[in-house]
Structure formats: C-alpha cells, structure tokens
Amino acid sequence: QVQLVESGGGLVQPGGSLRLSCAASGSGFSFYTMGWYRRAPGKQRELVADINRSGITNYADSMKGRFTISRDNAKNTVYLQMNSLKPEDTAVYYCKVIMTGTGWPYWGQGTQVTVSS
C-alpha cells in the first residue's frame, strides 16, 4: 500500500516563497515519475511540474523560472520550491507518483496554498 504525505502548504504574501514536500511511504516501492498538480477554485486540475528518476524535469509554462521541482530517490520524496508567488497560484496542490514497473498512479490528498496580502 502506497501512502503519500504532503506538507508545506499555507498562507503567504505575494512575492513570497513556500516549499512543498511529498513523501511516499511503503516498503520496496520505487516511483518512475513524481510530480505536482494543482486545482485552483473554479478551474480544472493542471500539471505544475514533474520529475523522473533520472532527474529530468517538466514544467508548465507559467511556472518556469519561479518553481523548482526536485526529488530524493532514497527517501521517495519529491519537493516543490515555489518562489515569487502570485495570487493566481492560490490552489490546492496535489502530489502524484507513478510506480515503476506497474505504472500505477497514486495521488496525495492535497495541500492548500493561498497567496494573499
């Protein structure tokens, strides 16, 4: 059984920074892709960024240059460093991982990020 534990969300002022973490638990598992999605109020869920085991990253255009995704394969943990946050970044951020071999996806429960003065 894979469980994802997200942390790091909260309230931040415009221009501020937050760092999200997502730890995948479960012995013996490895994950080919780990990433972050978000759902803003009234909008569909969208990709923020993802990263594969080799460290190759993929970002949504609006996040490039402001957000940085990284991972620790030994800890099965993925991070999202968010800088220069804008009010339009307000959303629930979800961690998603894809298990190596089976390709099964797993989602976290989400963590709220609110950018407001």
C-alpha atoms as a PDB file:
ATOM      1  CA  GLN A   1       0.000   0.000   0.000  1.00  0.00           C
ATOM      2  CA  VAL A   2       1.384   3.378  -1.028  1.00  0.00           C
ATOM      3  CA  GLN A   3       0.588   6.454   1.005  1.00  0.00           C
ATOM      4  CA  LEU A   4       1.545   9.989   0.127  1.00  0.00           C
ATOM      5  CA  VAL A   5       2.042  12.568   2.857  1.00  0.00           C
ATOM      6  CA  GLU A   6       2.141  16.164   1.704  1.00  0.00           C
ATOM      7  CA  SER A   7       3.301  19.116   3.748  1.00  0.00           C
ATOM      8  CA  GLY A   8       4.389  22.721   3.405  1.00  0.00           C
ATOM      9  CA  GLY A   9       1.262  24.487   2.258  1.00  0.00           C
ATOM     10  CA  GLY A  10      -0.097  27.605   3.880  1.00  0.00           C
ATOM     11  CA  LEU A  11      -0.745  31.308   3.551  1.00  0.00           C
ATOM     12  CA  VAL A  12       1.918  33.524   2.017  1.00  0.00           C
ATOM     13  CA  GLN A  13       2.035  37.073   0.760  1.00  0.00           C
ATOM     14  CA  PRO A  14       2.524  37.852  -2.928  1.00  0.00           C
ATOM     15  CA  GLY A  15       6.187  37.594  -3.807  1.00  0.00           C
ATOM     16  CA  GLY A  16       6.814  35.106  -1.039  1.00  0.00           C
ATOM     17  CA  SER A  17       8.020  31.534  -1.122  1.00  0.00           C
ATOM     18  CA  LEU A  18       6.864  28.133   0.025  1.00  0.00           C
ATOM     19  CA  ARG A  19       8.342  24.660  -0.177  1.00  0.00           C
ATOM     20  CA  LEU A  20       6.067  21.671  -0.563  1.00  0.00           C
ATOM     21  CA  SER A  21       7.120  18.131   0.272  1.00  0.00           C
ATOM     22  CA  CYS A  22       5.529  14.815  -0.568  1.00  0.00           C
ATOM     23  CA  ALA A  23       6.816  11.620   0.973  1.00  0.00           C
ATOM     24  CA  ALA A  24       5.688   8.295  -0.473  1.00  0.00           C
ATOM     25  CA  SER A  25       5.630   5.500   2.076  1.00  0.00           C
ATOM     26  CA  GLY A  26       5.539   1.772   1.542  1.00  0.00           C
ATOM     27  CA  SER A  27       8.463  -0.606   1.611  1.00  0.00           C
ATOM     28  CA  GLY A  28      10.013  -1.854  -1.590  1.00  0.00           C
ATOM     29  CA  PHE A  29       8.388   0.677  -3.880  1.00  0.00           C
ATOM     30  CA  SER A  30      10.075   2.955  -6.351  1.00  0.00           C
ATOM     31  CA  PHE A  31       8.490   5.604  -8.492  1.00  0.00           C
ATOM     32  CA  TYR A  32       9.389   6.479 -12.031  1.00  0.00           C
ATOM     33  CA  THR A  33       7.686   9.851 -12.077  1.00  0.00           C
ATOM     34  CA  MET A  34       6.870  12.127  -9.171  1.00  0.00           C
ATOM     35  CA  GLY A  35       5.145  15.424  -9.595  1.00  0.00           C
ATOM     36  CA  TRP A  36       2.782  18.137  -8.531  1.00  0.00           C
ATOM     37  CA  TYR A  37      -0.577  19.224  -9.885  1.00  0.00           C
ATOM     38  CA  ARG A  38      -2.868  21.964  -8.692  1.00  0.00           C
ATOM     39  CA  ARG A  39      -6.532  22.867  -8.801  1.00  0.00           C
ATOM     40  CA  ALA A  40      -7.477  26.499  -8.451  1.00  0.00           C
ATOM     41  CA  PRO A  41     -11.017  27.488  -7.463  1.00  0.00           C
ATOM     42  CA  GLY A  42     -13.352  27.009 -10.411  1.00  0.00           C
ATOM     43  CA  LYS A  43     -10.660  25.506 -12.616  1.00  0.00           C
ATOM     44  CA  GLN A  44      -9.560  22.056 -13.684  1.00  0.00           C
ATOM     45  CA  ARG A  45      -6.575  20.331 -12.175  1.00  0.00           C
ATOM     46  CA  GLU A  46      -3.396  21.132 -14.075  1.00  0.00           C
ATOM     47  CA  LEU A  47       0.202  19.956 -14.122  1.00  0.00           C
ATOM     48  CA  VAL A  48       2.659  22.115 -12.217  1.00  0.00           C
ATOM     49  CA  ALA A  49       5.819  20.066 -12.699  1.00  0.00           C
ATOM     50  CA  ASP A  50       7.099  16.528 -12.665  1.00  0.00           C
ATOM     51  CA  ILE A  51      10.459  14.779 -12.485  1.00  0.00           C
ATOM     52  CA  ASN A  52      11.605  11.279 -13.371  1.00  0.00           C
ATOM     53  CA  ARG A  53      14.115   9.086 -11.567  1.00  0.00           C
ATOM     54  CA  SER A  54      16.928  10.411 -13.741  1.00  0.00           C
ATOM     55  CA  GLY A  55      16.142  13.966 -12.718  1.00  0.00           C
ATOM     56  CA  ILE A  56      14.610  15.084 -15.977  1.00  0.00           C
ATOM     57  CA  THR A  57      12.041  17.755 -15.227  1.00  0.00           C
ATOM     58  CA  ASN A  58       8.956  19.071 -16.945  1.00  0.00           C
ATOM     59  CA  TYR A  59       7.232  22.340 -16.038  1.00  0.00           C
ATOM     60  CA  ALA A  60       4.051  24.082 -17.026  1.00  0.00           C
ATOM     61  CA  ASP A  61       4.961  27.259 -18.874  1.00  0.00           C
ATOM     62  CA  SER A  62       3.526  29.589 -16.235  1.00  0.00           C
ATOM     63  CA  MET A  63       5.705  28.016 -13.537  1.00  0.00           C
ATOM     64  CA  LYS A  64       9.028  28.060 -15.359  1.00  0.00           C
ATOM     65  CA  GLY A  65      11.594  30.235 -13.652  1.00  0.00           C
ATOM     66  CA  ARG A  66       9.575  30.521 -10.430  1.00  0.00           C
ATOM     67  CA  PHE A  67       9.096  26.913  -9.324  1.00  0.00           C
ATOM     68  CA  THR A  68      11.723  24.213  -8.931  1.00  0.00           C
ATOM     69  CA  ILE A  69      10.953  20.536  -8.547  1.00  0.00           C
ATOM     70  CA  SER A  70      13.428  18.079  -7.065  1.00  0.00           C
ATOM     71  CA  ARG A  71      13.386  14.617  -5.564  1.00  0.00           C
ATOM     72  CA  ASP A  72      15.260  12.349  -3.205  1.00  0.00           C
ATOM     73  CA  ASN A  73      15.022   8.823  -4.575  1.00  0.00           C
ATOM     74  CA  ALA A  74      16.377   7.261  -1.385  1.00  0.00           C
ATOM     75  CA  LYS A  75      13.545   8.851   0.579  1.00  0.00           C
ATOM     76  CA  ASN A  76      10.886   8.563  -2.149  1.00  0.00           C
ATOM     77  CA  THR A  77      10.230  12.242  -1.591  1.00  0.00           C
ATOM     78  CA  VAL A  78       9.501  14.998  -4.063  1.00  0.00           C
ATOM     79  CA  TYR A  79       9.798  18.699  -3.344  1.00  0.00           C
ATOM     80  CA  LEU A  80       8.423  21.828  -4.955  1.00  0.00           C
ATOM     81  CA  GLN A  81      10.158  25.114  -4.211  1.00  0.00           C
ATOM     82  CA  MET A  82       7.819  27.953  -5.133  1.00  0.00           C
ATOM     83  CA  ASN A  83       9.203  31.474  -5.369  1.00  0.00           C
ATOM     84  CA  SER A  84       7.724  34.801  -6.457  1.00  0.00           C
ATOM     85  CA  LEU A  85       4.275  33.521  -5.648  1.00  0.00           C
ATOM     86  CA  LYS A  86       1.295  35.292  -7.143  1.00  0.00           C
ATOM     87  CA  PRO A  87      -2.358  35.382  -6.075  1.00  0.00           C
ATOM     88  CA  GLU A  88      -3.174  33.255  -9.134  1.00  0.00           C
ATOM     89  CA  ASP A  89      -1.013  30.482  -7.676  1.00  0.00           C
ATOM     90  CA  THR A  90      -3.652  30.005  -4.995  1.00  0.00           C
ATOM     91  CA  ALA A  91      -4.844  26.424  -5.300  1.00  0.00           C
ATOM     92  CA  VAL A  92      -4.861  23.009  -3.735  1.00  0.00           C
ATOM     93  CA  TYR A  93      -1.603  21.325  -4.697  1.00  0.00           C
ATOM     94  CA  TYR A  94      -1.593  17.567  -5.196  1.00  0.00           C
ATOM     95  CA  CYS A  95       1.309  15.188  -5.287  1.00  0.00           C
ATOM     96  CA  LYS A  96       1.191  12.416  -7.885  1.00  0.00           C
ATOM     97  CA  VAL A  97       3.567   9.488  -8.255  1.00  0.00           C
ATOM     98  CA  ILE A  98       3.732   6.729 -10.822  1.00  0.00           C
ATOM     99  CA  MET A  99       5.083   3.408  -9.655  1.00  0.00           C
ATOM    100  CA  THR A 100       7.982   1.919 -11.544  1.00  0.00           C
ATOM    101  CA  GLY A 101       7.055  -1.250 -13.398  1.00  0.00           C
ATOM    102  CA  THR A 102       3.278  -1.256 -12.948  1.00  0.00           C
ATOM    103  CA  GLY A 103       2.704   2.344 -13.999  1.00  0.00           C
ATOM    104  CA  TRP A 104       0.032   2.702 -11.342  1.00  0.00           C
ATOM    105  CA  PRO A 105      -0.617   6.304 -10.310  1.00  0.00           C
ATOM    106  CA  TYR A 106      -1.126   7.424  -6.731  1.00  0.00           C
ATOM    107  CA  TRP A 107      -2.414  10.788  -5.562  1.00  0.00           C
ATOM    108  CA  GLY A 108      -1.967  12.679  -2.351  1.00  0.00           C
ATOM    109  CA  GLN A 109      -4.856  14.327  -0.567  1.00  0.00           C
ATOM    110  CA  GLY A 110      -3.717  17.829  -1.410  1.00  0.00           C
ATOM    111  CA  THR A 111      -2.331  20.788   0.466  1.00  0.00           C
ATOM    112  CA  GLN A 112      -3.771  24.297   0.299  1.00  0.00           C
ATOM    113  CA  VAL A 113      -1.596  27.155  -0.882  1.00  0.00           C
ATOM    114  CA  THR A 114      -3.059  30.632  -0.516  1.00  0.00           C
ATOM    115  CA  VAL A 115      -1.263  33.697  -1.829  1.00  0.00           C
ATOM    116  CA  SER A 116      -2.819  36.829  -0.437  1.00  0.00           C
ATOM    117  CA  SER A 117      -1.918  40.082   1.240  1.00  0.00           C
END
